Amino acid sequence: MWLLAVDTTSRDASVALLQDTRLLALVATPGDEPHSTRLFCDIQRALAEANLKLRDIDVYAVANGPGAFTALRVGLSAIKGLAEMHNKPVVAVSVLEAVCQSAESGPGILVPIVDAYRKQVFGGVYEKTTDDIVPCASERVLTLEEFLATLAQEGFQSAHCCIVSPHLDRFVETLAASRFAQAARERVSPALAAAVARRAQQKFARGQILNALSLEANYVRRSDAELLWKPK
């Protein structure tokens, strides 16, 4: 089975190609070029590394959020179009789920954190077992201080958690001043497409698939239009 995975939820966009459980290609092009102009070039590079055509792909996977609104929609729109055109199934993977998939830590409680900018983070809590990643709390967007305080209120303890993030260096001071100062930490790669692909392969095997029309974004945070809208 050939699986093509895309992550455009942040500046660190990436594309991965999986054959069964083997990672055949990972393309993570650095730079400030917009995802809308760079994504299909990265897809073609990944396919070329395996000498494949789009028609050879059996399953598409995409990080469906949370993330930057415009960047997130680029990946979703591309995968929707490709899956519909080739009549192939889609697997949606949360970015926070992919962060947990990337972690070498576990089994145990993982706390994935991704920079949401605006002085906020996207955060969640997952239990990683030997063969699955299970959500233990809803994904949310808060300041890091608020998120950590909420975890403590919900009974999660520093000694039992591992904080996982591609952006750990941005959170050092806040973590050190929190109740989770002693929690284990692990930094993962910001190029998450390979983790999206591996998690999608597991979900596909369990029948957790979508068609192109039912694929939706997991925004978590409301858009500026929603926040600023005022009834007349």
C-alpha atoms as a PDB file:
ATOM      1  CA  MET A   1       0.000   0.000   0.000  1.00  0.00           C
ATOM      2  CA  TRP A   2       1.280   3.433  -0.972  1.00  0.00           C
ATOM      3  CA  LEU A   3       0.307   6.287   1.345  1.00  0.00           C
ATOM      4  CA  LEU A   4       1.014   9.962   0.653  1.00  0.00           C
ATOM      5  CA  ALA A   5       0.896  12.310   3.671  1.00  0.00           C
ATOM      6  CA  VAL A   6       0.921  16.099   3.778  1.00  0.00           C
ATOM      7  CA  ASP A   7       1.346  18.587   6.612  1.00  0.00           C
ATOM      8  CA  THR A   8       0.917  22.300   5.888  1.00  0.00           C
ATOM      9  CA  THR A   9      -0.326  23.384   9.313  1.00  0.00           C
ATOM     10  CA  SER A  10       2.761  25.475  10.106  1.00  0.00           C
ATOM     11  CA  ARG A  11       5.741  27.125   8.411  1.00  0.00           C
ATOM     12  CA  ASP A  12       7.502  23.746   8.499  1.00  0.00           C
ATOM     13  CA  ALA A  13       5.448  22.067   5.784  1.00  0.00           C
ATOM     14  CA  SER A  14       6.407  18.572   4.675  1.00  0.00           C
ATOM     15  CA  VAL A  15       5.362  15.649   2.478  1.00  0.00           C
ATOM     16  CA  ALA A  16       5.989  11.956   3.177  1.00  0.00           C
ATOM     17  CA  LEU A  17       5.551   8.777   1.204  1.00  0.00           C
ATOM     18  CA  LEU A  18       5.027   5.448   2.955  1.00  0.00           C
ATOM     19  CA  GLN A  19       5.040   1.981   1.409  1.00  0.00           C
ATOM     20  CA  ASP A  20       3.285  -0.215   3.952  1.00  0.00           C
ATOM     21  CA  THR A  21       5.390   0.630   7.033  1.00  0.00           C
ATOM     22  CA  ARG A  22       8.512   1.837   5.198  1.00  0.00           C
ATOM     23  CA  LEU A  23       9.207   5.544   4.812  1.00  0.00           C
ATOM     24  CA  LEU A  24      10.323   5.986   1.205  1.00  0.00           C
ATOM     25  CA  ALA A  25      10.464   9.770   1.009  1.00  0.00           C
ATOM     26  CA  LEU A  26      10.293  12.822   3.245  1.00  0.00           C
ATOM     27  CA  VAL A  27      10.415  16.252   1.645  1.00  0.00           C
ATOM     28  CA  ALA A  28      10.656  19.259   3.951  1.00  0.00           C
ATOM     29  CA  THR A  29      11.705  22.280   1.930  1.00  0.00           C
ATOM     30  CA  PRO A  30      12.958  25.171   4.074  1.00  0.00           C
ATOM     31  CA  GLY A  31      12.212  28.758   3.150  1.00  0.00           C
ATOM     32  CA  ASP A  32       9.476  31.362   3.108  1.00  0.00           C
ATOM     33  CA  GLU A  33       7.841  30.337  -0.161  1.00  0.00           C
ATOM     34  CA  PRO A  34       4.048  30.075   0.323  1.00  0.00           C
ATOM     35  CA  HIS A  35       2.642  26.585   0.786  1.00  0.00           C
ATOM     36  CA  SER A  36       0.283  27.185  -2.128  1.00  0.00           C
ATOM     37  CA  THR A  37       3.190  27.393  -4.591  1.00  0.00           C
ATOM     38  CA  ARG A  38       5.506  24.922  -2.909  1.00  0.00           C
ATOM     39  CA  LEU A  39       3.237  22.001  -1.976  1.00  0.00           C
ATOM     40  CA  PHE A  40       2.764  20.357  -5.362  1.00  0.00           C
ATOM     41  CA  CYS A  41       6.483  20.666  -6.138  1.00  0.00           C
ATOM     42  CA  ASP A  42       7.206  18.849  -2.860  1.00  0.00           C
ATOM     43  CA  ILE A  43       4.638  16.159  -3.715  1.00  0.00           C
ATOM     44  CA  GLN A  44       6.262  15.649  -7.110  1.00  0.00           C
ATOM     45  CA  ARG A  45       9.697  15.401  -5.471  1.00  0.00           C
ATOM     46  CA  ALA A  46       8.455  12.742  -3.064  1.00  0.00           C
ATOM     47  CA  LEU A  47       6.866  10.751  -5.898  1.00  0.00           C
ATOM     48  CA  ALA A  48      10.002  11.038  -8.013  1.00  0.00           C
ATOM     49  CA  GLU A  49      12.143   9.599  -5.209  1.00  0.00           C
ATOM     50  CA  ALA A  50      10.035   6.428  -5.377  1.00  0.00           C
ATOM     51  CA  ASN A  51       9.504   6.545  -9.160  1.00  0.00           C
ATOM     52  CA  LEU A  52       5.741   6.783  -8.685  1.00  0.00           C
ATOM     53  CA  LYS A  53       2.821   8.627 -10.252  1.00  0.00           C
ATOM     54  CA  LEU A  54      -0.150  10.082  -8.405  1.00  0.00           C
ATOM     55  CA  ARG A  55      -2.335   7.323  -9.825  1.00  0.00           C
ATOM     56  CA  ASP A  56      -0.202   4.806  -7.881  1.00  0.00           C
ATOM     57  CA  ILE A  57      -1.176   6.240  -4.473  1.00  0.00           C
ATOM     58  CA  ASP A  58      -3.662   4.083  -2.558  1.00  0.00           C
ATOM     59  CA  VAL A  59      -4.395   6.345   0.437  1.00  0.00           C
ATOM     60  CA  TYR A  60      -3.980  10.038   1.159  1.00  0.00           C
ATOM     61  CA  ALA A  61      -3.322  11.431   4.630  1.00  0.00           C
ATOM     62  CA  VAL A  62      -3.321  14.986   5.873  1.00  0.00           C
ATOM     63  CA  ALA A  63      -2.700  16.867   9.104  1.00  0.00           C
ATOM     64  CA  ASN A  64      -6.102  18.503   9.545  1.00  0.00           C
ATOM     65  CA  GLY A  65      -5.102  20.855  12.350  1.00  0.00           C
ATOM     66  CA  PRO A  66      -4.900  22.641  14.567  1.00  0.00           C
ATOM     67  CA  GLY A  67      -2.696  25.168  12.828  1.00  0.00           C
ATOM     68  CA  ALA A  68      -2.531  28.391  10.872  1.00  0.00           C
ATOM     69  CA  PHE A  69      -5.826  28.861   9.011  1.00  0.00           C
ATOM     70  CA  THR A  70      -4.539  29.720   5.544  1.00  0.00           C
ATOM     71  CA  ALA A  71      -1.692  27.200   5.591  1.00  0.00           C
ATOM     72  CA  LEU A  72      -3.981  24.482   6.934  1.00  0.00           C
ATOM     73  CA  ARG A  73      -6.513  25.016   4.152  1.00  0.00           C
ATOM     74  CA  VAL A  74      -3.813  24.650   1.492  1.00  0.00           C
ATOM     75  CA  GLY A  75      -3.066  21.086   2.553  1.00  0.00           C
ATOM     76  CA  LEU A  76      -6.698  20.149   3.052  1.00  0.00           C
ATOM     77  CA  SER A  77      -7.732  21.531  -0.340  1.00  0.00           C
ATOM     78  CA  ALA A  78      -4.903  19.729  -2.109  1.00  0.00           C
ATOM     79  CA  ILE A  79      -5.679  16.370  -0.524  1.00  0.00           C
ATOM     80  CA  LYS A  80      -9.420  16.797  -1.060  1.00  0.00           C
ATOM     81  CA  GLY A  81      -8.806  17.451  -4.741  1.00  0.00           C
ATOM     82  CA  LEU A  82      -6.361  14.591  -5.260  1.00  0.00           C
ATOM     83  CA  ALA A  83      -8.456  12.067  -3.341  1.00  0.00           C
ATOM     84  CA  GLU A  84     -11.609  13.015  -5.216  1.00  0.00           C
ATOM     85  CA  MET A  85      -9.879  13.019  -8.599  1.00  0.00           C
ATOM     86  CA  HIS A  86      -8.370   9.545  -8.048  1.00  0.00           C
ATOM     87  CA  ASN A  87     -11.303   8.203  -5.979  1.00  0.00           C
ATOM     88  CA  LYS A  88      -9.069   7.288  -3.028  1.00  0.00           C
ATOM     89  CA  PRO A  89      -9.729   7.276   0.729  1.00  0.00           C
ATOM     90  CA  VAL A  90      -8.349   9.889   3.109  1.00  0.00           C
ATOM     91  CA  VAL A  91      -7.110   9.641   6.688  1.00  0.00           C
ATOM     92  CA  ALA A  92      -7.119  12.779   8.872  1.00  0.00           C
ATOM     93  CA  VAL A  93      -4.512  13.107  11.632  1.00  0.00           C
ATOM     94  CA  SER A  94      -4.376  15.771  14.312  1.00  0.00           C
ATOM     95  CA  VAL A  95      -1.114  17.696  14.468  1.00  0.00           C
ATOM     96  CA  LEU A  96      -0.936  16.999  18.216  1.00  0.00           C
ATOM     97  CA  GLU A  97      -1.515  13.309  17.514  1.00  0.00           C
ATOM     98  CA  ALA A  98       1.363  13.421  15.019  1.00  0.00           C
ATOM     99  CA  VAL A  99       3.627  15.079  17.606  1.00  0.00           C
ATOM    100  CA  CYS A 100       2.906  12.153  19.934  1.00  0.00           C
ATOM    101  CA  GLN A 101       3.560   9.693  17.109  1.00  0.00           C
ATOM    102  CA  SER A 102       6.975  11.316  16.596  1.00  0.00           C
ATOM    103  CA  ALA A 103       7.953  10.913  20.230  1.00  0.00           C
ATOM    104  CA  GLU A 104      10.323   8.180  21.280  1.00  0.00           C
ATOM    105  CA  SER A 105       9.031   8.533  24.844  1.00  0.00           C
ATOM    106  CA  GLY A 106       6.321   6.191  26.051  1.00  0.00           C
ATOM    107  CA  PRO A 107       4.295   4.249  26.792  1.00  0.00           C
ATOM    108  CA  GLY A 108       2.791   6.819  29.123  1.00  0.00           C
ATOM    109  CA  ILE A 109       1.103  10.200  29.246  1.00  0.00           C
ATOM    110  CA  LEU A 110       2.313  12.591  26.551  1.00  0.00           C
ATOM    111  CA  VAL A 111       1.505  16.301  26.520  1.00  0.00           C
ATOM    112  CA  PRO A 112       1.981  17.606  22.951  1.00  0.00           C
ATOM    113  CA  ILE A 113       2.427  21.368  22.610  1.00  0.00           C
ATOM    114  CA  VAL A 114       2.652  23.348  19.361  1.00  0.00           C
ATOM    115  CA  ASP A 115       3.217  27.082  19.060  1.00  0.00           C
ATOM    116  CA  ALA A 116      -0.062  28.742  18.028  1.00  0.00           C
ATOM    117  CA  TYR A 117       1.536  32.211  18.014  1.00  0.00           C
ATOM    118  CA  ARG A 118      -0.324  35.201  19.498  1.00  0.00           C
ATOM    119  CA  LYS A 119       1.306  34.108  22.793  1.00  0.00           C
ATOM    120  CA  GLN A 120      -0.752  30.900  22.738  1.00  0.00           C
ATOM    121  CA  VAL A 121      -0.166  27.187  22.238  1.00  0.00           C
ATOM    122  CA  PHE A 122      -2.197  24.314  20.887  1.00  0.00           C
ATOM    123  CA  GLY A 123      -2.080  21.590  23.517  1.00  0.00           C
ATOM    124  CA  GLY A 124      -3.528  18.203  24.331  1.00  0.00           C
ATOM    125  CA  VAL A 125      -3.016  15.098  26.451  1.00  0.00           C
ATOM    126  CA  TYR A 126      -2.617  11.606  25.002  1.00  0.00           C
ATOM    127  CA  GLU A 127      -1.802   8.216  26.423  1.00  0.00           C
ATOM    128  CA  LYS A 128       0.695   6.393  24.251  1.00  0.00           C
ATOM    129  CA  THR A 129       0.491   2.618  24.534  1.00  0.00           C
ATOM    130  CA  THR A 130       2.523   0.004  22.709  1.00  0.00           C
ATOM    131  CA  ASP A 131       0.138   0.081  19.749  1.00  0.00           C
ATOM    132  CA  ASP A 132      -2.037   3.184  19.960  1.00  0.00           C
ATOM    133  CA  ILE A 133      -2.301   6.874  20.873  1.00  0.00           C
ATOM    134  CA  VAL A 134      -5.453   7.646  22.848  1.00  0.00           C
ATOM    135  CA  PRO A 135      -6.699  11.179  23.658  1.00  0.00           C
ATOM    136  CA  CYS A 136      -7.148  11.824  27.396  1.00  0.00           C
ATOM    137  CA  ALA A 137      -8.412  15.412  27.146  1.00  0.00           C
ATOM    138  CA  SER A 138      -9.766  17.761  24.514  1.00  0.00           C
ATOM    139  CA  GLU A 139      -7.337  19.702  22.365  1.00  0.00           C
ATOM    140  CA  ARG A 140      -7.360  23.408  23.197  1.00  0.00           C
ATOM    141  CA  VAL A 141      -5.703  26.741  22.524  1.00  0.00           C
ATOM    142  CA  LEU A 142      -4.545  28.807  25.513  1.00  0.00           C
ATOM    143  CA  THR A 143      -1.499  30.606  26.748  1.00  0.00           C
ATOM    144  CA  LEU A 144       1.063  28.074  27.912  1.00  0.00           C
ATOM    145  CA  GLU A 145       0.584  29.226  31.509  1.00  0.00           C
ATOM    146  CA  GLU A 146      -3.180  28.704  31.247  1.00  0.00           C
ATOM    147  CA  PHE A 147      -2.769  25.329  29.569  1.00  0.00           C
ATOM    148  CA  LEU A 148      -0.391  24.002  32.226  1.00  0.00           C
ATOM    149  CA  ALA A 149      -2.596  25.327  35.031  1.00  0.00           C
ATOM    150  CA  THR A 150      -5.583  23.582  33.455  1.00  0.00           C
ATOM    151  CA  LEU A 151      -3.686  20.290  33.297  1.00  0.00           C
ATOM    152  CA  ALA A 152      -2.878  20.551  36.995  1.00  0.00           C
ATOM    153  CA  GLN A 153      -6.527  21.295  37.803  1.00  0.00           C
ATOM    154  CA  GLU A 154      -7.559  18.223  35.817  1.00  0.00           C
ATOM    155  CA  GLY A 155      -5.279  16.019  37.918  1.00  0.00           C
ATOM    156  CA  PHE A 156      -2.361  15.439  35.569  1.00  0.00           C
ATOM    157  CA  GLN A 157       0.888  15.239  37.513  1.00  0.00           C
ATOM    158  CA  SER A 158       4.313  16.408  36.444  1.00  0.00           C
ATOM    159  CA  ALA A 159       6.007  13.141  37.396  1.00  0.00           C
ATOM    160  CA  HIS A 160       3.730  11.122  35.120  1.00  0.00           C
ATOM    161  CA  CYS A 161       3.863  13.343  32.020  1.00  0.00           C
ATOM    162  CA  CYS A 162       6.274  13.918  29.173  1.00  0.00           C
ATOM    163  CA  ILE A 163       5.961  17.239  27.374  1.00  0.00           C
ATOM    164  CA  VAL A 164       6.574  16.804  23.651  1.00  0.00           C
ATOM    165  CA  SER A 165       6.996  19.606  21.154  1.00  0.00           C
ATOM    166  CA  PRO A 166       8.828  20.672  17.999  1.00  0.00           C
ATOM    167  CA  HIS A 167       9.187  24.095  19.675  1.00  0.00           C
ATOM    168  CA  LEU A 168      10.505  23.236  23.150  1.00  0.00           C
ATOM    169  CA  ASP A 169      13.175  25.937  23.059  1.00  0.00           C
ATOM    170  CA  ARG A 170      10.433  28.595  22.968  1.00  0.00           C
ATOM    171  CA  PHE A 171       8.839  27.349  26.186  1.00  0.00           C
ATOM    172  CA  VAL A 172      11.822  26.770  28.490  1.00  0.00           C
ATOM    173  CA  GLU A 173      11.248  29.705  30.844  1.00  0.00           C
ATOM    174  CA  THR A 174       7.495  29.171  31.172  1.00  0.00           C
ATOM    175  CA  LEU A 175       7.907  25.445  31.816  1.00  0.00           C
ATOM    176  CA  ALA A 176      10.583  26.103  34.428  1.00  0.00           C
ATOM    177  CA  ALA A 177       8.222  28.415  36.345  1.00  0.00           C
ATOM    178  CA  SER A 178       5.264  26.015  36.214  1.00  0.00           C
ATOM    179  CA  ARG A 179       4.087  22.979  38.161  1.00  0.00           C
ATOM    180  CA  PHE A 180       5.453  20.903  35.280  1.00  0.00           C
ATOM    181  CA  ALA A 181       9.041  22.074  35.704  1.00  0.00           C
ATOM    182  CA  GLN A 182      10.142  18.519  36.584  1.00  0.00           C
ATOM    183  CA  ALA A 183       8.188  16.788  33.807  1.00  0.00           C
ATOM    184  CA  ALA A 184      10.173  14.858  31.213  1.00  0.00           C
ATOM    185  CA  ARG A 185      10.586  16.679  27.910  1.00  0.00           C
ATOM    186  CA  GLU A 186      11.234  15.596  24.337  1.00  0.00           C
ATOM    187  CA  ARG A 187      11.817  17.730  21.276  1.00  0.00           C
ATOM    188  CA  VAL A 188      10.583  16.260  17.977  1.00  0.00           C
ATOM    189  CA  SER A 189      11.164  17.318  14.395  1.00  0.00           C
ATOM    190  CA  PRO A 190       8.916  20.100  13.070  1.00  0.00           C
ATOM    191  CA  ALA A 191       8.671  18.157   9.781  1.00  0.00           C
ATOM    192  CA  LEU A 192       5.647  16.109  10.833  1.00  0.00           C
ATOM    193  CA  ALA A 193       4.546  14.491   7.558  1.00  0.00           C
ATOM    194  CA  ALA A 194       6.348  11.221   8.342  1.00  0.00           C
ATOM    195  CA  ALA A 195       4.549  10.991  11.693  1.00  0.00           C
ATOM    196  CA  VAL A 196       1.256  11.857   9.971  1.00  0.00           C
ATOM    197  CA  ALA A 197       1.913   9.024   7.511  1.00  0.00           C
ATOM    198  CA  ARG A 198       2.732   6.445  10.190  1.00  0.00           C
ATOM    199  CA  ARG A 199      -0.263   7.392  12.315  1.00  0.00           C
ATOM    200  CA  ALA A 200      -2.513   7.373   9.233  1.00  0.00           C
ATOM    201  CA  GLN A 201      -1.312   3.878   8.328  1.00  0.00           C
ATOM    202  CA  GLN A 202      -2.415   2.661  11.767  1.00  0.00           C
ATOM    203  CA  LYS A 203      -5.780   4.420  11.511  1.00  0.00           C
ATOM    204  CA  PHE A 204      -6.347   3.099   7.990  1.00  0.00           C
ATOM    205  CA  ALA A 205      -5.785  -0.467   9.233  1.00  0.00           C
ATOM    206  CA  ARG A 206      -8.581   0.139  11.754  1.00  0.00           C
ATOM    207  CA  GLY A 207     -10.941   1.467   9.097  1.00  0.00           C
ATOM    208  CA  GLN A 208     -10.732   5.093  10.292  1.00  0.00           C
ATOM    209  CA  ILE A 209     -11.022   6.585   6.822  1.00  0.00           C
ATOM    210  CA  LEU A 210     -12.920   9.411   5.157  1.00  0.00           C
ATOM    211  CA  ASN A 211     -13.920  10.313   1.650  1.00  0.00           C
ATOM    212  CA  ALA A 212     -12.797  13.609   0.161  1.00  0.00           C
ATOM    213  CA  LEU A 213     -16.119  15.364   0.773  1.00  0.00           C
ATOM    214  CA  SER A 214     -16.216  14.538   4.485  1.00  0.00           C
ATOM    215  CA  LEU A 215     -12.674  15.761   5.228  1.00  0.00           C
ATOM    216  CA  GLU A 216     -12.809  18.791   7.538  1.00  0.00           C
ATOM    217  CA  ALA A 217     -10.366  21.013   9.381  1.00  0.00           C
ATOM    218  CA  ASN A 218      -9.714  20.714  13.105  1.00  0.00           C
ATOM    219  CA  TYR A 219      -9.260  24.422  13.792  1.00  0.00           C
ATOM    220  CA  VAL A 220      -9.585  24.448  17.631  1.00  0.00           C
ATOM    221  CA  ARG A 221      -9.217  28.243  17.524  1.00  0.00           C
ATOM    222  CA  ARG A 222     -11.895  30.360  15.864  1.00  0.00           C
ATOM    223  CA  SER A 223     -10.887  32.444  12.856  1.00  0.00           C
ATOM    224  CA  ASP A 224     -10.344  36.206  13.016  1.00  0.00           C
ATOM    225  CA  ALA A 225     -13.563  36.665  11.042  1.00  0.00           C
ATOM    226  CA  GLU A 226     -15.515  34.835  13.749  1.00  0.00           C
ATOM    227  CA  LEU A 227     -13.752  36.649  16.580  1.00  0.00           C
ATOM    228  CA  LEU A 228     -14.244  40.094  15.078  1.00  0.00           C
ATOM    229  CA  TRP A 229     -17.721  39.636  13.663  1.00  0.00           C
ATOM    230  CA  LYS A 230     -20.358  41.816  15.270  1.00  0.00           C
ATOM    231  CA  PRO A 231     -24.098  41.526  14.636  1.00  0.00           C
ATOM    232  CA  LYS A 232     -25.704  44.535  13.031  1.00  0.00           C
END
